[in-house]
mmCIF file of all heavy atoms, coordinates in Angstrom:
data_MODEL
# 
_entry.id   MODEL 
# 
loop_
_atom_site.group_PDB 
_atom_site.id 
_atom_site.type_symbol 
_atom_site.label_atom_id 
_atom_site.label_alt_id 
_atom_site.label_comp_id 
_atom_site.label_asym_id 
_atom_site.label_entity_id 
_atom_site.label_seq_id 
_atom_site.pdbx_PDB_ins_code 
_atom_site.Cartn_x 
_atom_site.Cartn_y 
_atom_site.Cartn_z 
_atom_site.occupancy 
_atom_site.B_iso_or_equiv 
_atom_site.pdbx_formal_charge 
_atom_site.auth_seq_id 
_atom_site.auth_comp_id 
_atom_site.auth_asym_id 
_atom_site.auth_atom_id 
_atom_site.pdbx_PDB_model_num 
ATOM 1   N N   . LYS A 1 1  ? 179.982 -93.900  107.450 1.00 0.00 ? 1  LYS A N   1 
ATOM 2   C CA  . LYS A 1 1  ? 179.965 -92.899  106.389 1.00 0.00 ? 1  LYS A CA  1 
ATOM 3   C C   . LYS A 1 1  ? 179.162 -93.471  105.226 1.00 0.00 ? 1  LYS A C   1 
ATOM 4   O O   . LYS A 1 1  ? 179.219 -94.669  104.952 1.00 0.00 ? 1  LYS A O   1 
ATOM 5   C CB  . LYS A 1 1  ? 181.388 -92.564  105.941 1.00 0.00 ? 1  LYS A CB  1 
ATOM 6   C CG  . LYS A 1 1  ? 182.245 -91.993  107.055 1.00 0.00 ? 1  LYS A CG  1 
ATOM 7   C CD  . LYS A 1 1  ? 183.684 -91.769  106.600 1.00 0.00 ? 1  LYS A CD  1 
ATOM 8   C CE  . LYS A 1 1  ? 184.535 -91.222  107.728 1.00 0.00 ? 1  LYS A CE  1 
ATOM 9   N NZ  . LYS A 1 1  ? 185.954 -91.055  107.329 1.00 0.00 ? 1  LYS A NZ  1 
ATOM 10  N N   . GLY A 1 2  ? 178.417 -92.592  104.542 1.00 0.00 ? 2  GLY A N   1 
ATOM 11  C CA  . GLY A 1 2  ? 177.573 -93.094  103.478 1.00 0.00 ? 2  GLY A CA  1 
ATOM 12  C C   . GLY A 1 2  ? 177.466 -92.158  102.288 1.00 0.00 ? 2  GLY A C   1 
ATOM 13  O O   . GLY A 1 2  ? 177.719 -90.957  102.404 1.00 0.00 ? 2  GLY A O   1 
ATOM 14  N N   . VAL A 1 3  ? 177.115 -92.728  101.146 1.00 0.00 ? 3  VAL A N   1 
ATOM 15  C CA  . VAL A 1 3  ? 176.946 -91.970  99.903  1.00 0.00 ? 3  VAL A CA  1 
ATOM 16  C C   . VAL A 1 3  ? 175.734 -92.515  99.147  1.00 0.00 ? 3  VAL A C   1 
ATOM 17  O O   . VAL A 1 3  ? 175.295 -93.642  99.378  1.00 0.00 ? 3  VAL A O   1 
ATOM 18  C CB  . VAL A 1 3  ? 178.198 -92.073  99.000  1.00 0.00 ? 3  VAL A CB  1 
ATOM 19  C CG1 . VAL A 1 3  ? 179.382 -91.349  99.645  1.00 0.00 ? 3  VAL A CG1 1 
ATOM 20  C CG2 . VAL A 1 3  ? 178.554 -93.531  98.725  1.00 0.00 ? 3  VAL A CG2 1 
ATOM 21  N N   . LEU A 1 4  ? 175.209 -91.705  98.226  1.00 0.00 ? 4  LEU A N   1 
ATOM 22  C CA  . LEU A 1 4  ? 174.048 -92.091  97.416  1.00 0.00 ? 4  LEU A CA  1 
ATOM 23  C C   . LEU A 1 4  ? 174.383 -92.030  95.930  1.00 0.00 ? 4  LEU A C   1 
ATOM 24  O O   . LEU A 1 4  ? 175.125 -91.157  95.493  1.00 0.00 ? 4  LEU A O   1 
ATOM 25  C CB  . LEU A 1 4  ? 172.865 -91.161  97.685  1.00 0.00 ? 4  LEU A CB  1 
ATOM 26  C CG  . LEU A 1 4  ? 172.074 -91.337  98.973  1.00 0.00 ? 4  LEU A CG  1 
ATOM 27  C CD1 . LEU A 1 4  ? 171.051 -90.219  99.099  1.00 0.00 ? 4  LEU A CD1 1 
ATOM 28  C CD2 . LEU A 1 4  ? 171.375 -92.695  99.005  1.00 0.00 ? 4  LEU A CD2 1 
ATOM 29  N N   . GLY A 1 5  ? 173.804 -92.944  95.164  1.00 0.00 ? 5  GLY A N   1 
ATOM 30  C CA  . GLY A 1 5  ? 173.917 -92.918  93.708  1.00 0.00 ? 5  GLY A CA  1 
ATOM 31  C C   . GLY A 1 5  ? 172.554 -93.105  93.081  1.00 0.00 ? 5  GLY A C   1 
ATOM 32  O O   . GLY A 1 5  ? 171.717 -93.858  93.603  1.00 0.00 ? 5  GLY A O   1 
ATOM 33  N N   . VAL A 1 6  ? 172.295 -92.416  91.970  1.00 0.00 ? 6  VAL A N   1 
ATOM 34  C CA  . VAL A 1 6  ? 170.989 -92.479  91.301  1.00 0.00 ? 6  VAL A CA  1 
ATOM 35  C C   . VAL A 1 6  ? 171.191 -92.740  89.812  1.00 0.00 ? 6  VAL A C   1 
ATOM 36  O O   . VAL A 1 6  ? 172.101 -92.180  89.186  1.00 0.00 ? 6  VAL A O   1 
ATOM 37  C CB  . VAL A 1 6  ? 170.206 -91.158  91.481  1.00 0.00 ? 6  VAL A CB  1 
ATOM 38  C CG1 . VAL A 1 6  ? 168.854 -91.230  90.772  1.00 0.00 ? 6  VAL A CG1 1 
ATOM 39  C CG2 . VAL A 1 6  ? 170.017 -90.831  92.955  1.00 0.00 ? 6  VAL A CG2 1 
ATOM 40  N N   . CYS A 1 7  ? 170.359 -93.609  89.248  1.00 0.00 ? 7  CYS A N   1 
ATOM 41  C CA  . CYS A 1 7  ? 170.358 -93.853  87.811  1.00 0.00 ? 7  CYS A CA  1 
ATOM 42  C C   . CYS A 1 7  ? 168.936 -93.677  87.290  1.00 0.00 ? 7  CYS A C   1 
ATOM 43  O O   . CYS A 1 7  ? 168.033 -94.442  87.655  1.00 0.00 ? 7  CYS A O   1 
ATOM 44  C CB  . CYS A 1 7  ? 170.869 -95.253  87.489  1.00 0.00 ? 7  CYS A CB  1 
ATOM 45  S SG  . CYS A 1 7  ? 170.986 -95.607  85.716  1.00 0.00 ? 7  CYS A SG  1 
ATOM 46  N N   . GLU A 1 8  ? 168.726 -92.680  86.445  1.00 0.00 ? 8  GLU A N   1 
ATOM 47  C CA  . GLU A 1 8  ? 167.396 -92.384  85.893  1.00 0.00 ? 8  GLU A CA  1 
ATOM 48  C C   . GLU A 1 8  ? 167.117 -93.249  84.666  1.00 0.00 ? 8  GLU A C   1 
ATOM 49  O O   . GLU A 1 8  ? 168.033 -93.643  83.935  1.00 0.00 ? 8  GLU A O   1 
ATOM 50  C CB  . GLU A 1 8  ? 167.314 -90.911  85.508  1.00 0.00 ? 8  GLU A CB  1 
ATOM 51  C CG  . GLU A 1 8  ? 167.453 -89.931  86.658  1.00 0.00 ? 8  GLU A CG  1 
ATOM 52  C CD  . GLU A 1 8  ? 166.164 -89.784  87.454  1.00 0.00 ? 8  GLU A CD  1 
ATOM 53  O OE1 . GLU A 1 8  ? 165.107 -90.293  87.002  1.00 0.00 ? 8  GLU A OE1 1 
ATOM 54  O OE2 . GLU A 1 8  ? 166.215 -89.160  88.539  1.00 0.00 ? 8  GLU A OE2 1 
ATOM 55  N N   . GLY A 1 9  ? 165.837 -93.514  84.426  1.00 0.00 ? 9  GLY A N   1 
ATOM 56  C CA  . GLY A 1 9  ? 165.461 -94.291  83.252  1.00 0.00 ? 9  GLY A CA  1 
ATOM 57  C C   . GLY A 1 9  ? 163.957 -94.464  83.163  1.00 0.00 ? 9  GLY A C   1 
ATOM 58  O O   . GLY A 1 9  ? 163.196 -93.643  83.682  1.00 0.00 ? 9  GLY A O   1 
ATOM 59  N N   . HIS A 1 10 ? 163.525 -95.556  82.523  1.00 0.00 ? 10 HIS A N   1 
ATOM 60  C CA  . HIS A 1 10 ? 162.092 -95.840  82.443  1.00 0.00 ? 10 HIS A CA  1 
ATOM 61  C C   . HIS A 1 10 ? 161.862 -97.347  82.438  1.00 0.00 ? 10 HIS A C   1 
ATOM 62  O O   . HIS A 1 10 ? 162.801 -98.133  82.233  1.00 0.00 ? 10 HIS A O   1 
ATOM 63  C CB  . HIS A 1 10 ? 161.468 -95.202  81.189  1.00 0.00 ? 10 HIS A CB  1 
ATOM 64  C CG  . HIS A 1 10 ? 161.910 -95.834  79.893  1.00 0.00 ? 10 HIS A CG  1 
ATOM 65  N ND1 . HIS A 1 10 ? 163.025 -95.427  79.204  1.00 0.00 ? 10 HIS A ND1 1 
ATOM 66  C CD2 . HIS A 1 10 ? 161.370 -96.846  79.160  1.00 0.00 ? 10 HIS A CD2 1 
ATOM 67  C CE1 . HIS A 1 10 ? 163.167 -96.149  78.102  1.00 0.00 ? 10 HIS A CE1 1 
ATOM 68  N NE2 . HIS A 1 10 ? 162.165 -97.024  78.054  1.00 0.00 ? 10 HIS A NE2 1 
ATOM 69  N N   . ILE A 1 11 ? 160.616 -97.727  82.671  1.00 0.00 ? 11 ILE A N   1 
ATOM 70  C CA  . ILE A 1 11 ? 160.228 -99.134  82.716  1.00 0.00 ? 11 ILE A CA  1 
ATOM 71  C C   . ILE A 1 11 ? 159.603 -99.526  81.380  1.00 0.00 ? 11 ILE A C   1 
ATOM 72  O O   . ILE A 1 11 ? 158.635 -98.896  80.939  1.00 0.00 ? 11 ILE A O   1 
ATOM 73  C CB  . ILE A 1 11 ? 159.222 -99.408  83.853  1.00 0.00 ? 11 ILE A CB  1 
ATOM 74  C CG1 . ILE A 1 11 ? 159.786 -98.948  85.199  1.00 0.00 ? 11 ILE A CG1 1 
ATOM 75  C CG2 . ILE A 1 11 ? 158.868 -100.899 83.890  1.00 0.00 ? 11 ILE A CG2 1 
ATOM 76  C CD1 . ILE A 1 11 ? 161.048 -99.633  85.626  1.00 0.00 ? 11 ILE A CD1 1 
ATOM 77  N N   . ARG A 1 12 ? 160.169 -100.552 80.741  1.00 0.00 ? 12 ARG A N   1 
ATOM 78  C CA  . ARG A 1 12 ? 159.574 -101.016 79.486  1.00 0.00 ? 12 ARG A CA  1 
ATOM 79  C C   . ARG A 1 12 ? 158.408 -101.954 79.784  1.00 0.00 ? 12 ARG A C   1 
ATOM 80  O O   . ARG A 1 12 ? 158.181 -102.351 80.928  1.00 0.00 ? 12 ARG A O   1 
ATOM 81  C CB  . ARG A 1 12 ? 160.614 -101.694 78.590  1.00 0.00 ? 12 ARG A CB  1 
ATOM 82  C CG  . ARG A 1 12 ? 161.360 -102.849 79.200  1.00 0.00 ? 12 ARG A CG  1 
ATOM 83  C CD  . ARG A 1 12 ? 162.262 -103.509 78.166  1.00 0.00 ? 12 ARG A CD  1 
ATOM 84  N NE  . ARG A 1 12 ? 161.480 -104.343 77.256  1.00 0.00 ? 12 ARG A NE  1 
ATOM 85  C CZ  . ARG A 1 12 ? 161.806 -104.591 75.999  1.00 0.00 ? 12 ARG A CZ  1 
ATOM 86  N NH1 . ARG A 1 12 ? 162.894 -104.050 75.478  1.00 0.00 ? 12 ARG A NH1 1 
ATOM 87  N NH2 . ARG A 1 12 ? 161.074 -105.388 75.250  1.00 0.00 ? 12 ARG A NH2 1 
ATOM 88  N N   . CYS A 1 13 ? 157.669 -102.317 78.744  1.00 0.00 ? 13 CYS A N   1 
ATOM 89  C CA  . CYS A 1 13 ? 156.413 -103.051 78.945  1.00 0.00 ? 13 CYS A CA  1 
ATOM 90  C C   . CYS A 1 13 ? 156.587 -104.555 79.104  1.00 0.00 ? 13 CYS A C   1 
ATOM 91  O O   . CYS A 1 13 ? 155.652 -105.243 79.522  1.00 0.00 ? 13 CYS A O   1 
ATOM 92  C CB  . CYS A 1 13 ? 155.462 -102.779 77.771  1.00 0.00 ? 13 CYS A CB  1 
ATOM 93  S SG  . CYS A 1 13 ? 154.915 -101.055 77.702  1.00 0.00 ? 13 CYS A SG  1 
ATOM 94  N N   . ASP A 1 14 ? 157.754 -105.068 78.757  1.00 0.00 ? 14 ASP A N   1 
ATOM 95  C CA  . ASP A 1 14 ? 157.996 -106.494 78.917  1.00 0.00 ? 14 ASP A CA  1 
ATOM 96  C C   . ASP A 1 14 ? 159.478 -106.721 79.200  1.00 0.00 ? 14 ASP A C   1 
ATOM 97  O O   . ASP A 1 14 ? 160.317 -105.914 78.813  1.00 0.00 ? 14 ASP A O   1 
ATOM 98  C CB  . ASP A 1 14 ? 157.571 -107.271 77.667  1.00 0.00 ? 14 ASP A CB  1 
ATOM 99  C CG  . ASP A 1 14 ? 158.269 -106.759 76.416  1.00 0.00 ? 14 ASP A CG  1 
ATOM 100 O OD1 . ASP A 1 14 ? 158.644 -105.576 76.367  1.00 0.00 ? 14 ASP A OD1 1 
ATOM 101 O OD2 . ASP A 1 14 ? 158.457 -107.556 75.480  1.00 0.00 ? 14 ASP A OD2 1 
ATOM 102 N N   . PRO A 1 15 ? 159.815 -107.810 79.902  1.00 0.00 ? 15 PRO A N   1 
ATOM 103 C CA  . PRO A 1 15 ? 161.210 -108.060 80.264  1.00 0.00 ? 15 PRO A CA  1 
ATOM 104 C C   . PRO A 1 15 ? 162.060 -108.376 79.031  1.00 0.00 ? 15 PRO A C   1 
ATOM 105 O O   . PRO A 1 15 ? 161.579 -108.934 78.044  1.00 0.00 ? 15 PRO A O   1 
ATOM 106 C CB  . PRO A 1 15 ? 161.126 -109.288 81.183  1.00 0.00 ? 15 PRO A CB  1 
ATOM 107 C CG  . PRO A 1 15 ? 159.696 -109.384 81.599  1.00 0.00 ? 15 PRO A CG  1 
ATOM 108 C CD  . PRO A 1 15 ? 158.898 -108.819 80.467  1.00 0.00 ? 15 PRO A CD  1 
ATOM 109 N N   . ALA A 1 16 ? 163.339 -108.014 79.114  1.00 0.00 ? 16 ALA A N   1 
ATOM 110 C CA  . ALA A 1 16 ? 164.286 -108.325 78.042  1.00 0.00 ? 16 ALA A CA  1 
ATOM 111 C C   . ALA A 1 16 ? 165.682 -108.456 78.643  1.00 0.00 ? 16 ALA A C   1 
ATOM 112 O O   . ALA A 1 16 ? 166.080 -107.636 79.460  1.00 0.00 ? 16 ALA A O   1 
ATOM 113 C CB  . ALA A 1 16 ? 164.273 -107.239 76.967  1.00 0.00 ? 16 ALA A CB  1 
ATOM 114 N N   . GLY A 1 17 ? 166.397 -109.498 78.230  1.00 0.00 ? 17 GLY A N   1 
ATOM 115 C CA  . GLY A 1 17 ? 167.772 -109.690 78.675  1.00 0.00 ? 17 GLY A CA  1 
ATOM 116 C C   . GLY A 1 17 ? 167.900 -110.749 79.752  1.00 0.00 ? 17 GLY A C   1 
ATOM 117 O O   . GLY A 1 17 ? 166.946 -111.044 80.474  1.00 0.00 ? 17 GLY A O   1 
ATOM 118 N N   . GLU A 1 18 ? 169.082 -111.329 79.850  1.00 0.00 ? 18 GLU A N   1 
ATOM 119 C CA  . GLU A 1 18 ? 169.328 -112.424 80.787  1.00 0.00 ? 18 GLU A CA  1 
ATOM 120 C C   . GLU A 1 18 ? 170.337 -112.071 81.874  1.00 0.00 ? 18 GLU A C   1 
ATOM 121 O O   . GLU A 1 18 ? 170.559 -112.857 82.789  1.00 0.00 ? 18 GLU A O   1 
ATOM 122 C CB  . GLU A 1 18 ? 169.854 -113.654 80.014  1.00 0.00 ? 18 GLU A CB  1 
ATOM 123 C CG  . GLU A 1 18 ? 168.921 -114.158 78.929  1.00 0.00 ? 18 GLU A CG  1 
ATOM 124 C CD  . GLU A 1 18 ? 167.616 -114.682 79.502  1.00 0.00 ? 18 GLU A CD  1 
ATOM 125 O OE1 . GLU A 1 18 ? 167.635 -115.209 80.637  1.00 0.00 ? 18 GLU A OE1 1 
ATOM 126 O OE2 . GLU A 1 18 ? 166.574 -114.563 78.823  1.00 0.00 ? 18 GLU A OE2 1 
ATOM 127 N N   . SER A 1 19 ? 170.966 -110.905 81.772  1.00 0.00 ? 19 SER A N   1 
ATOM 128 C CA  . SER A 1 19 ? 172.002 -110.535 82.738  1.00 0.00 ? 19 SER A CA  1 
ATOM 129 C C   . SER A 1 19 ? 171.383 -109.821 83.936  1.00 0.00 ? 19 SER A C   1 
ATOM 130 O O   . SER A 1 19 ? 170.204 -109.494 83.939  1.00 0.00 ? 19 SER A O   1 
ATOM 131 C CB  . SER A 1 19 ? 173.047 -109.638 82.067  1.00 0.00 ? 19 SER A CB  1 
ATOM 132 O OG  . SER A 1 19 ? 174.077 -109.292 82.962  1.00 0.00 ? 19 SER A OG  1 
ATOM 133 N N   . GLY A 1 20 ? 172.216 -109.593 84.962  1.00 0.00 ? 20 GLY A N   1 
ATOM 134 C CA  . GLY A 1 20 ? 171.761 -108.807 86.104  1.00 0.00 ? 20 GLY A CA  1 
ATOM 135 C C   . GLY A 1 20 ? 170.828 -109.571 87.021  1.00 0.00 ? 20 GLY A C   1 
ATOM 136 O O   . GLY A 1 20 ? 170.750 -110.796 87.000  1.00 0.00 ? 20 GLY A O   1 
ATOM 137 N N   . PHE A 1 21 ? 170.072 -108.833 87.831  1.00 0.00 ? 21 PHE A N   1 
ATOM 138 C CA  . PHE A 1 21 ? 169.156 -109.429 88.801  1.00 0.00 ? 21 PHE A CA  1 
ATOM 139 C C   . PHE A 1 21 ? 168.106 -108.393 89.162  1.00 0.00 ? 21 PHE A C   1 
ATOM 140 O O   . PHE A 1 21 ? 168.161 -107.246 88.720  1.00 0.00 ? 21 PHE A O   1 
ATOM 141 C CB  . PHE A 1 21 ? 169.907 -109.914 90.053  1.00 0.00 ? 21 PHE A CB  1 
ATOM 142 C CG  . PHE A 1 21 ? 170.679 -108.835 90.767  1.00 0.00 ? 21 PHE A CG  1 
ATOM 143 C CD1 . PHE A 1 21 ? 170.124 -108.152 91.840  1.00 0.00 ? 21 PHE A CD1 1 
ATOM 144 C CD2 . PHE A 1 21 ? 171.960 -108.494 90.363  1.00 0.00 ? 21 PHE A CD2 1 
ATOM 145 C CE1 . PHE A 1 21 ? 170.830 -107.159 92.500  1.00 0.00 ? 21 PHE A CE1 1 
ATOM 146 C CE2 . PHE A 1 21 ? 172.679 -107.509 91.020  1.00 0.00 ? 21 PHE A CE2 1 
ATOM 147 C CZ  . PHE A 1 21 ? 172.110 -106.838 92.079  1.00 0.00 ? 21 PHE A CZ  1 
ATOM 148 N N   . GLY A 1 22 ? 167.133 -108.800 89.970  1.00 0.00 ? 22 GLY A N   1 
ATOM 149 C CA  . GLY A 1 22 ? 166.089 -107.863 90.393  1.00 0.00 ? 22 GLY A CA  1 
ATOM 150 C C   . GLY A 1 22 ? 165.249 -107.365 89.231  1.00 0.00 ? 22 GLY A C   1 
ATOM 151 O O   . GLY A 1 22 ? 164.806 -108.140 88.368  1.00 0.00 ? 22 GLY A O   1 
ATOM 152 N N   . TYR A 1 23 ? 165.063 -106.060 89.164  1.00 0.00 ? 23 TYR A N   1 
ATOM 153 C CA  . TYR A 1 23 ? 164.227 -105.448 88.140  1.00 0.00 ? 23 TYR A CA  1 
ATOM 154 C C   . TYR A 1 23 ? 165.010 -105.096 86.860  1.00 0.00 ? 23 TYR A C   1 
ATOM 155 O O   . TYR A 1 23 ? 164.480 -104.419 85.982  1.00 0.00 ? 23 TYR A O   1 
ATOM 156 C CB  . TYR A 1 23 ? 163.571 -104.177 88.692  1.00 0.00 ? 23 TYR A CB  1 
ATOM 157 C CG  . TYR A 1 23 ? 162.642 -104.415 89.860  1.00 0.00 ? 23 TYR A CG  1 
ATOM 158 C CD1 . TYR A 1 23 ? 163.090 -104.309 91.172  1.00 0.00 ? 23 TYR A CD1 1 
ATOM 159 C CD2 . TYR A 1 23 ? 161.304 -104.751 89.659  1.00 0.00 ? 23 TYR A CD2 1 
ATOM 160 C CE1 . TYR A 1 23 ? 162.245 -104.512 92.249  1.00 0.00 ? 23 TYR A CE1 1 
ATOM 161 C CE2 . TYR A 1 23 ? 160.446 -104.963 90.734  1.00 0.00 ? 23 TYR A CE2 1 
ATOM 162 C CZ  . TYR A 1 23 ? 160.927 -104.851 92.023  1.00 0.00 ? 23 TYR A CZ  1 
ATOM 163 O OH  . TYR A 1 23 ? 160.071 -105.057 93.085  1.00 0.00 ? 23 TYR A OH  1 
ATOM 164 N N   . ASP A 1 24 ? 166.246 -105.549 86.758  1.00 0.00 ? 24 ASP A N   1 
ATOM 165 C CA  . ASP A 1 24 ? 167.100 -105.202 85.608  1.00 0.00 ? 24 ASP A CA  1 
ATOM 166 C C   . ASP A 1 24 ? 166.455 -105.476 84.247  1.00 0.00 ? 24 ASP A C   1 
ATOM 167 O O   . ASP A 1 24 ? 166.640 -104.689 83.312  1.00 0.00 ? 24 ASP A O   1 
ATOM 168 C CB  . ASP A 1 24 ? 168.433 -105.949 85.687  1.00 0.00 ? 24 ASP A CB  1 
ATOM 169 C CG  . ASP A 1 24 ? 169.362 -105.370 86.738  1.00 0.00 ? 24 ASP A CG  1 
ATOM 170 O OD1 . ASP A 1 24 ? 168.995 -104.360 87.377  1.00 0.00 ? 24 ASP A OD1 1 
ATOM 171 O OD2 . ASP A 1 24 ? 170.463 -105.924 86.937  1.00 0.00 ? 24 ASP A OD2 1 
# 
């Protein structure tokens, strides 16, 4: 069984922040 989730947003021009992983 499976489900989908989506989070909309935009890409900023330079990285910011130290938490998370990947493209966060």
